[in-house]
Amino acid sequence: MVKLSGGCLCGSIRYTILQQPILAYTCNCRFCQKDTGTAYRSALAILNENVELIGKDFSVYTYKSVEHGRELYKNFCPDCGTTISLKTERFPERQVIMIGTLDDPSQIELSTHMFAEEAFDWVEFPKDHVVYPRHRINDDGTTASPIE
């Protein structure tokens, strides 16, 4: 595995990813659009035990989704405000790390996209990528069907 590490803008928080991520993806949902202030979030899904944090403790903002009622926990640097990770009530054993906080984001190959039905009109998905209309996992835990 290629060593993945990163941190916030000011350097108060650093992290190392100890195992291969579960998935690299973009999410085009309205929450991710509002939270990032842009068209989508690019992130790595990782089991919690596979992330080693160094430095200051995160500040945490808890958001309760009006769509599904579950909580999302945004973890960010208390000094510079950089969002490093996001945890969710739905998947407590894992977190997502923002790809833009990696020291070398070019190490990541991304080919999965979620919430395409909420994407801005000008967002285009490469033809050879896997694109889901909503989440890649249905509410009942089964795998969702990608867009053909």
Foldseek 3Di string as FASTA:
>chain_A
DDKWKFDDPVPQKIKTFQDDFPAWEWEQDPVQCVVVVHRIFTWTKHFPVRMDMDGDFWDWDWDQDPVPRWIKIFTADPPPGDTAWIATPVCNRIIIGGLVRIPDSVVDDHQEYACPCNGDPPDDHDPPGFYQVHDQADPVGHGGHTDD
